[in-house]
PDB file of all heavy atoms in Angstrom:
ATOM      1  N   GLU A   1       6.598   2.963  -5.200  1.00  0.00           N
ATOM      2  CA  GLU A   1       6.438   1.785  -6.212  1.00  0.00           C
ATOM      3  C   GLU A   1       5.271   1.006  -5.849  1.00  0.00           C
ATOM      4  O   GLU A   1       4.453   0.689  -6.822  1.00  0.00           O
ATOM      5  CB  GLU A   1       7.678   0.907  -6.322  1.00  0.00           C
ATOM      6  CG  GLU A   1       8.922   1.643  -6.844  1.00  0.00           C
ATOM      7  CD  GLU A   1       8.751   2.159  -8.276  1.00  0.00           C
ATOM      8  OE1 GLU A   1       7.956   1.519  -8.936  1.00  0.00           O
ATOM      9  OE2 GLU A   1       9.414   3.192  -8.599  1.00  0.00           O
ATOM     10  N   LEU A   2       5.034   0.598  -4.650  1.00  0.00           N
ATOM     11  CA  LEU A   2       3.791  -0.248  -4.341  1.00  0.00           C
ATOM     12  C   LEU A   2       2.492   0.556  -4.530  1.00  0.00           C
ATOM     13  O   LEU A   2       1.527  -0.010  -4.977  1.00  0.00           O
ATOM     14  CB  LEU A   2       3.891  -0.763  -2.819  1.00  0.00           C
ATOM     15  CG  LEU A   2       5.111  -1.786  -2.564  1.00  0.00           C
ATOM     16  CD1 LEU A   2       5.116  -2.017  -1.055  1.00  0.00           C
ATOM     17  CD2 LEU A   2       4.926  -2.973  -3.479  1.00  0.00           C
ATOM     18  N   VAL A   3       2.528   1.836  -4.186  1.00  0.00           N
ATOM     19  CA  VAL A   3       1.362   2.650  -4.332  1.00  0.00           C
ATOM     20  C   VAL A   3       1.064   2.844  -5.859  1.00  0.00           C
ATOM     21  O   VAL A   3      -0.137   2.718  -6.257  1.00  0.00           O
ATOM     22  CB  VAL A   3       1.508   3.978  -3.580  1.00  0.00           C
ATOM     23  CG1 VAL A   3       0.363   4.984  -4.016  1.00  0.00           C
ATOM     24  CG2 VAL A   3       1.413   3.725  -2.101  1.00  0.00           C
ATOM     25  N   THR A   4       2.078   3.141  -6.626  1.00  0.00           N
ATOM     26  CA  THR A   4       1.951   3.304  -8.110  1.00  0.00           C
ATOM     27  C   THR A   4       1.320   2.051  -8.718  1.00  0.00           C
ATOM     28  O   THR A   4       0.426   2.092  -9.503  1.00  0.00           O
ATOM     29  CB  THR A   4       3.296   3.739  -8.738  1.00  0.00           C
ATOM     30  OG1 THR A   4       3.717   4.935  -8.154  1.00  0.00           O
ATOM     31  CG2 THR A   4       3.043   3.794 -10.181  1.00  0.00           C
ATOM     32  N   ASN A   5       1.874   0.891  -8.377  1.00  0.00           N
ATOM     33  CA  ASN A   5       1.341  -0.406  -8.863  1.00  0.00           C
ATOM     34  C   ASN A   5      -0.088  -0.633  -8.494  1.00  0.00           C
ATOM     35  O   ASN A   5      -0.898  -1.005  -9.307  1.00  0.00           O
ATOM     36  CB  ASN A   5       2.180  -1.556  -8.350  1.00  0.00           C
ATOM     37  CG  ASN A   5       3.512  -1.671  -9.102  1.00  0.00           C
ATOM     38  OD1 ASN A   5       3.776  -1.078 -10.046  1.00  0.00           O
ATOM     39  ND2 ASN A   5       4.386  -2.508  -8.523  1.00  0.00           N
ATOM     40  N   ALA A   6      -0.468  -0.209  -7.322  1.00  0.00           N
ATOM     41  CA  ALA A   6      -1.864  -0.386  -6.869  1.00  0.00           C
ATOM     42  C   ALA A   6      -2.760   0.440  -7.700  1.00  0.00           C
ATOM     43  O   ALA A   6      -3.790   0.121  -8.179  1.00  0.00           O
ATOM     44  CB  ALA A   6      -2.057  -0.045  -5.399  1.00  0.00           C
ATOM     45  N   LEU A   7      -2.328   1.772  -7.885  1.00  0.00           N
ATOM     46  CA  LEU A   7      -3.107   2.693  -8.693  1.00  0.00           C
ATOM     47  C   LEU A   7      -3.229   2.187 -10.139  1.00  0.00           C
ATOM     48  O   LEU A   7      -4.332   2.305 -10.718  1.00  0.00           O
ATOM     49  CB  LEU A   7      -2.565   4.108  -8.676  1.00  0.00           C
ATOM     50  CG  LEU A   7      -2.598   4.771  -7.289  1.00  0.00           C
ATOM     51  CD1 LEU A   7      -1.892   6.130  -7.389  1.00  0.00           C
ATOM     52  CD2 LEU A   7      -4.068   5.080  -6.945  1.00  0.00           C
ATOM     53  N   LEU A   8      -2.229   1.755 -10.717  1.00  0.00           N
ATOM     54  CA  LEU A   8      -2.177   1.353 -12.117  1.00  0.00           C
ATOM     55  C   LEU A   8      -2.867   0.024 -12.409  1.00  0.00           C
ATOM     56  O   LEU A   8      -3.551  -0.153 -13.426  1.00  0.00           O
ATOM     57  CB  LEU A   8      -0.723   1.270 -12.739  1.00  0.00           C
ATOM     58  CG  LEU A   8      -0.001   2.647 -12.791  1.00  0.00           C
ATOM     59  CD1 LEU A   8       1.336   2.346 -13.280  1.00  0.00           C
ATOM     60  CD2 LEU A   8      -0.760   3.569 -13.717  1.00  0.00           C
ATOM     61  N   HIS A   9      -2.737  -0.887 -11.450  1.00  0.00           N
ATOM     62  CA  HIS A   9      -3.219  -2.303 -11.709  1.00  0.00           C
ATOM     63  C   HIS A   9      -4.194  -2.852 -10.645  1.00  0.00           C
ATOM     64  O   HIS A   9      -4.714  -3.884 -10.945  1.00  0.00           O
ATOM     65  CB  HIS A   9      -1.894  -3.212 -11.707  1.00  0.00           C
ATOM     66  CG  HIS A   9      -0.910  -2.764 -12.700  1.00  0.00           C
ATOM     67  ND1 HIS A   9      -1.059  -2.676 -14.080  1.00  0.00           N
ATOM     68  CD2 HIS A   9       0.350  -2.265 -12.427  1.00  0.00           C
ATOM     69  CE1 HIS A   9       0.009  -2.214 -14.568  1.00  0.00           C
ATOM     70  NE2 HIS A   9       0.919  -1.975 -13.673  1.00  0.00           N
ATOM     71  N   GLY A  10      -4.363  -2.255  -9.482  1.00  0.00           N
ATOM     72  CA  GLY A  10      -5.111  -2.924  -8.524  1.00  0.00           C
ATOM     73  C   GLY A  10      -6.310  -2.262  -7.959  1.00  0.00           C
ATOM     74  O   GLY A  10      -7.189  -2.925  -7.392  1.00  0.00           O
ATOM     75  N   VAL A  11      -6.439  -0.921  -8.078  1.00  0.00           N
ATOM     76  CA  VAL A  11      -7.610  -0.218  -7.425  1.00  0.00           C
ATOM     77  C   VAL A  11      -8.643   0.034  -8.576  1.00  0.00           C
ATOM     78  O   VAL A  11      -8.405   0.808  -9.438  1.00  0.00           O
ATOM     79  CB  VAL A  11      -7.123   1.047  -6.842  1.00  0.00           C
ATOM     80  CG1 VAL A  11      -8.301   1.756  -6.205  1.00  0.00           C
ATOM     81  CG2 VAL A  11      -6.049   0.825  -5.861  1.00  0.00           C
ATOM     82  N   PRO A  12      -9.813  -0.579  -8.466  1.00  0.00           N
ATOM     83  CA  PRO A  12     -10.915  -0.361  -9.428  1.00  0.00           C
ATOM     84  C   PRO A  12     -11.361   1.194  -9.274  1.00  0.00           C
ATOM     85  O   PRO A  12     -11.267   1.736  -8.234  1.00  0.00           O
ATOM     86  CB  PRO A  12     -11.912  -1.294  -9.124  1.00  0.00           C
ATOM     87  CG  PRO A  12     -11.314  -2.346  -8.254  1.00  0.00           C
ATOM     88  CD  PRO A  12     -10.146  -1.700  -7.530  1.00  0.00           C
ATOM     89  N   PRO A  13     -11.882   1.715 -10.401  1.00  0.00           N
ATOM     90  CA  PRO A  13     -12.463   3.014 -10.290  1.00  0.00           C
ATOM     91  C   PRO A  13     -13.504   3.199  -9.206  1.00  0.00           C
ATOM     92  O   PRO A  13     -14.259   2.309  -8.962  1.00  0.00           O
ATOM     93  CB  PRO A  13     -13.120   3.226 -11.614  1.00  0.00           C
ATOM     94  CG  PRO A  13     -12.454   2.240 -12.581  1.00  0.00           C
ATOM     95  CD  PRO A  13     -12.016   1.088 -11.700  1.00  0.00           C
ATOM     96  N   GLY A  14     -13.281   4.330  -8.428  1.00  0.00           N
ATOM     97  CA  GLY A  14     -14.284   4.598  -7.399  1.00  0.00           C
ATOM     98  C   GLY A  14     -13.885   3.978  -6.002  1.00  0.00           C
ATOM     99  O   GLY A  14     -14.495   4.245  -5.110  1.00  0.00           O
ATOM    100  N   ARG A  15     -12.751   3.256  -6.071  1.00  0.00           N
ATOM    101  CA  ARG A  15     -12.357   2.655  -4.816  1.00  0.00           C
ATOM    102  C   ARG A  15     -11.012   3.372  -4.309  1.00  0.00           C
ATOM    103  O   ARG A  15     -10.464   4.159  -4.928  1.00  0.00           O
ATOM    104  CB  ARG A  15     -11.979   1.147  -5.015  1.00  0.00           C
ATOM    105  CG  ARG A  15     -13.155   0.334  -5.558  1.00  0.00           C
ATOM    106  CD  ARG A  15     -13.872  -0.369  -4.370  1.00  0.00           C
ATOM    107  NE  ARG A  15     -15.006  -1.080  -4.831  1.00  0.00           N
ATOM    108  CZ  ARG A  15     -15.021  -2.393  -5.086  1.00  0.00           C
ATOM    109  NH1 ARG A  15     -13.823  -3.091  -5.026  1.00  0.00           N
ATOM    110  NH2 ARG A  15     -16.140  -3.006  -5.478  1.00  0.00           N
ATOM    111  N   GLN A  16     -10.670   2.903  -3.081  1.00  0.00           N
ATOM    112  CA  GLN A  16      -9.498   3.511  -2.433  1.00  0.00           C
ATOM    113  C   GLN A  16      -8.459   2.325  -2.155  1.00  0.00           C
ATOM    114  O   GLN A  16      -8.761   1.161  -2.314  1.00  0.00           O
ATOM    115  CB  GLN A  16      -9.846   4.103  -1.085  1.00  0.00           C
ATOM    116  CG  GLN A  16     -10.784   5.317  -1.239  1.00  0.00           C
ATOM    117  CD  GLN A  16     -11.033   5.929   0.129  1.00  0.00           C
ATOM    118  OE1 GLN A  16     -11.182   5.290   1.167  1.00  0.00           O
ATOM    119  NE2 GLN A  16     -11.241   7.257   0.104  1.00  0.00           N
ATOM    120  N   PHE A  17      -7.295   2.686  -1.754  1.00  0.00           N
ATOM    121  CA  PHE A  17      -6.356   1.779  -1.275  1.00  0.00           C
ATOM    122  C   PHE A  17      -5.856   2.145   0.047  1.00  0.00           C
ATOM    123  O   PHE A  17      -6.045   3.245   0.524  1.00  0.00           O
ATOM    124  CB  PHE A  17      -5.183   1.537  -2.183  1.00  0.00           C
ATOM    125  CG  PHE A  17      -4.288   2.758  -2.391  1.00  0.00           C
ATOM    126  CD1 PHE A  17      -3.169   2.890  -1.554  1.00  0.00           C
ATOM    127  CD2 PHE A  17      -4.567   3.733  -3.209  1.00  0.00           C
ATOM    128  CE1 PHE A  17      -2.359   3.926  -1.626  1.00  0.00           C
ATOM    129  CE2 PHE A  17      -3.757   4.842  -3.411  1.00  0.00           C
ATOM    130  CZ  PHE A  17      -2.665   4.974  -2.533  1.00  0.00           C
ATOM    131  N   LEU A  18      -5.277   1.131   0.865  1.00  0.00           N
ATOM    132  CA  LEU A  18      -4.807   1.364   2.134  1.00  0.00           C
ATOM    133  C   LEU A  18      -3.352   1.176   2.194  1.00  0.00           C
ATOM    134  O   LEU A  18      -2.772   0.137   1.734  1.00  0.00           O
ATOM    135  CB  LEU A  18      -5.492   0.312   3.061  1.00  0.00           C
ATOM    136  CG  LEU A  18      -5.006   0.241   4.639  1.00  0.00           C
ATOM    137  CD1 LEU A  18      -5.408   1.591   5.282  1.00  0.00           C
ATOM    138  CD2 LEU A  18      -5.493  -0.917   5.307  1.00  0.00           C
ATOM    139  N   LEU A  19      -2.631   2.168   2.822  1.00  0.00           N
ATOM    140  CA  LEU A  19      -1.226   2.060   2.977  1.00  0.00           C
ATOM    141  C   LEU A  19      -0.971   1.836   4.474  1.00  0.00           C
ATOM    142  O   LEU A  19      -1.517   2.462   5.360  1.00  0.00           O
ATOM    143  CB  LEU A  19      -0.471   3.339   2.598  1.00  0.00           C
ATOM    144  CG  LEU A  19       1.026   3.453   3.033  1.00  0.00           C
ATOM    145  CD1 LEU A  19       1.847   2.277   2.418  1.00  0.00           C
ATOM    146  CD2 LEU A  19       1.572   4.818   2.660  1.00  0.00           C
ATOM    147  N   PHE A  20      -0.392   0.739   4.736  1.00  0.00           N
ATOM    148  CA  PHE A  20      -0.261   0.191   6.156  1.00  0.00           C
ATOM    149  C   PHE A  20       1.283   0.187   6.472  1.00  0.00           C
ATOM    150  O   PHE A  20       2.103  -0.416   5.645  1.00  0.00           O
ATOM    151  CB  PHE A  20      -0.851  -1.198   6.162  1.00  0.00           C
ATOM    152  CG  PHE A  20      -0.585  -2.041   7.308  1.00  0.00           C
ATOM    153  CD1 PHE A  20      -1.566  -2.295   8.255  1.00  0.00           C
ATOM    154  CD2 PHE A  20       0.623  -2.842   7.390  1.00  0.00           C
ATOM    155  CE1 PHE A  20      -1.312  -3.210   9.277  1.00  0.00           C
ATOM    156  CE2 PHE A  20       0.804  -3.697   8.424  1.00  0.00           C
ATOM    157  CZ  PHE A  20      -0.173  -3.849   9.378  1.00  0.00           C
ATOM    158  N   LEU A  21       1.701   0.796   7.530  1.00  0.00           N
ATOM    159  CA  LEU A  21       3.108   0.719   8.015  1.00  0.00           C
ATOM    160  C   LEU A  21       3.239   0.241   9.396  1.00  0.00           C
ATOM    161  O   LEU A  21       2.392   0.703  10.290  1.00  0.00           O
ATOM    162  CB  LEU A  21       3.725   2.171   7.874  1.00  0.00           C
ATOM    163  CG  LEU A  21       3.653   2.879   6.505  1.00  0.00           C
ATOM    164  CD1 LEU A  21       3.932   4.399   6.707  1.00  0.00           C
ATOM    165  CD2 LEU A  21       4.696   2.254   5.616  1.00  0.00           C
ATOM    166  N   ARG A  22       4.095  -0.669   9.659  1.00  0.00           N
ATOM    167  CA  ARG A  22       4.257  -1.253  11.050  1.00  0.00           C
ATOM    168  C   ARG A  22       5.657  -1.312  11.351  1.00  0.00           C
ATOM    169  O   ARG A  22       6.556  -1.767  10.544  1.00  0.00           O
ATOM    170  CB  ARG A  22       3.606  -2.535  11.123  1.00  0.00           C
ATOM    171  CG  ARG A  22       3.708  -3.078  12.621  1.00  0.00           C
ATOM    172  CD  ARG A  22       3.107  -4.474  12.751  1.00  0.00           C
ATOM    173  NE  ARG A  22       3.931  -5.397  11.997  1.00  0.00           N
ATOM    174  CZ  ARG A  22       3.557  -6.466  11.432  1.00  0.00           C
ATOM    175  NH1 ARG A  22       2.329  -6.830  11.382  1.00  0.00           N
ATOM    176  NH2 ARG A  22       4.415  -7.340  10.855  1.00  0.00           N
ATOM    177  N   TYR A  23       6.104  -0.870  12.553  1.00  0.00           N
ATOM    178  CA  TYR A  23       7.448  -0.967  12.994  1.00  0.00           C
ATOM    179  C   TYR A  23       7.414  -1.467  14.450  1.00  0.00           C
ATOM    180  O   TYR A  23       6.909  -0.864  15.360  1.00  0.00           O
ATOM    181  CB  TYR A  23       8.110   0.450  12.961  1.00  0.00           C
ATOM    182  CG  TYR A  23       9.540   0.467  13.465  1.00  0.00           C
ATOM    183  CD1 TYR A  23      10.552  -0.386  12.797  1.00  0.00           C
ATOM    184  CD2 TYR A  23      10.012   1.163  14.535  1.00  0.00           C
ATOM    185  CE1 TYR A  23      11.820  -0.367  13.206  1.00  0.00           C
ATOM    186  CE2 TYR A  23      11.293   1.152  14.925  1.00  0.00           C
ATOM    187  CZ  TYR A  23      12.154   0.299  14.326  1.00  0.00           C
ATOM    188  OH  TYR A  23      13.463   0.284  14.777  1.00  0.00           O
ATOM    189  N   ASP A  24       8.031  -2.667  14.589  1.00  0.00           N
ATOM    190  CA  ASP A  24       8.059  -3.229  16.003  1.00  0.00           C
ATOM    191  C   ASP A  24       9.449  -3.121  16.665  1.00  0.00           C
ATOM    192  O   ASP A  24       9.675  -3.842  17.647  1.00  0.00           O
ATOM    193  CB  ASP A  24       7.677  -4.669  15.892  1.00  0.00           C
ATOM    194  CG  ASP A  24       8.586  -5.581  15.064  1.00  0.00           C
ATOM    195  OD1 ASP A  24       9.655  -5.077  14.638  1.00  0.00           O
ATOM    196  OD2 ASP A  24       8.254  -6.698  14.805  1.00  0.00           O
ATOM    197  N   GLY A  25      10.330  -2.331  16.081  1.00  0.00           N
ATOM    198  CA  GLY A  25      11.676  -2.184  16.710  1.00  0.00           C
ATOM    199  C   GLY A  25      12.698  -3.148  16.035  1.00  0.00           C
ATOM    200  O   GLY A  25      13.906  -2.845  16.224  1.00  0.00           O
ATOM    201  N   ARG A  26      12.140  -4.109  15.432  1.00  0.00           N
ATOM    202  CA  ARG A  26      13.139  -5.046  14.704  1.00  0.00           C
ATOM    203  C   ARG A  26      12.964  -4.982  13.201  1.00  0.00           C
ATOM    204  O   ARG A  26      13.945  -5.177  12.505  1.00  0.00           O
ATOM    205  CB  ARG A  26      12.813  -6.496  15.142  1.00  0.00           C
ATOM    206  CG  ARG A  26      13.133  -6.715  16.603  1.00  0.00           C
ATOM    207  CD  ARG A  26      12.893  -8.195  16.998  1.00  0.00           C
ATOM    208  NE  ARG A  26      11.528  -8.653  16.615  1.00  0.00           N
ATOM    209  CZ  ARG A  26      10.580  -8.650  17.358  1.00  0.00           C
ATOM    210  NH1 ARG A  26      10.678  -8.408  18.658  1.00  0.00           N
ATOM    211  NH2 ARG A  26       9.382  -9.065  17.017  1.00  0.00           N
ATOM    212  N   ALA A  27      11.729  -4.744  12.695  1.00  0.00           N
ATOM    213  CA  ALA A  27      11.468  -4.712  11.337  1.00  0.00           C
ATOM    214  C   ALA A  27      10.381  -3.626  10.994  1.00  0.00           C
ATOM    215  O   ALA A  27       9.520  -3.409  11.824  1.00  0.00           O
ATOM    216  CB  ALA A  27      11.068  -6.063  10.818  1.00  0.00           C
ATOM    217  N   LEU A  28      10.531  -3.113   9.752  1.00  0.00           N
ATOM    218  CA  LEU A  28       9.554  -2.125   9.291  1.00  0.00           C
ATOM    219  C   LEU A  28       8.815  -2.941   8.127  1.00  0.00           C
ATOM    220  O   LEU A  28       9.462  -3.429   7.214  1.00  0.00           O
ATOM    221  CB  LEU A  28      10.184  -0.916   8.713  1.00  0.00           C
ATOM    222  CG  LEU A  28       9.356   0.063   7.988  1.00  0.00           C
ATOM    223  CD1 LEU A  28       8.290   0.652   8.883  1.00  0.00           C
ATOM    224  CD2 LEU A  28      10.202   1.100   7.294  1.00  0.00           C
ATOM    225  N   ARG A  29       7.511  -2.889   8.162  1.00  0.00           N
ATOM    226  CA  ARG A  29       6.718  -3.559   7.145  1.00  0.00           C
ATOM    227  C   ARG A  29       5.835  -2.576   6.538  1.00  0.00           C
ATOM    228  O   ARG A  29       5.144  -1.777   7.135  1.00  0.00           O
ATOM    229  CB  ARG A  29       5.816  -4.709   7.795  1.00  0.00           C
ATOM    230  CG  ARG A  29       5.098  -5.404   6.764  1.00  0.00           C
ATOM    231  CD  ARG A  29       4.337  -6.592   7.448  1.00  0.00           C
ATOM    232  NE  ARG A  29       3.548  -7.449   6.428  1.00  0.00           N
ATOM    233  CZ  ARG A  29       3.925  -8.600   5.991  1.00  0.00           C
ATOM    234  NH1 ARG A  29       5.089  -9.087   6.356  1.00  0.00           N
ATOM    235  NH2 ARG A  29       3.208  -9.234   5.229  1.00  0.00           N
ATOM    236  N   ILE A  30       5.736  -2.634   5.089  1.00  0.00           N
ATOM    237  CA  ILE A  30       4.946  -1.755   4.319  1.00  0.00           C
ATOM    238  C   ILE A  30       3.974  -2.667   3.685  1.00  0.00           C
ATOM    239  O   ILE A  30       4.339  -3.749   3.042  1.00  0.00           O
ATOM    240  CB  ILE A  30       5.745  -1.069   3.272  1.00  0.00           C
ATOM    241  CG1 ILE A  30       6.836  -0.212   3.920  1.00  0.00           C
ATOM    242  CG2 ILE A  30       4.844  -0.213   2.390  1.00  0.00           C
ATOM    243  CD1 ILE A  30       7.934   0.200   2.886  1.00  0.00           C
TER     244      ILE A  30
END
């Protein structure tokens, strides 16, 4: 859902987006 929203509404033509995932043993952040 977050990636689709970025593609449809946030990433200008010719640009890329970054997917960032972090897990510290207590929480997973996207």
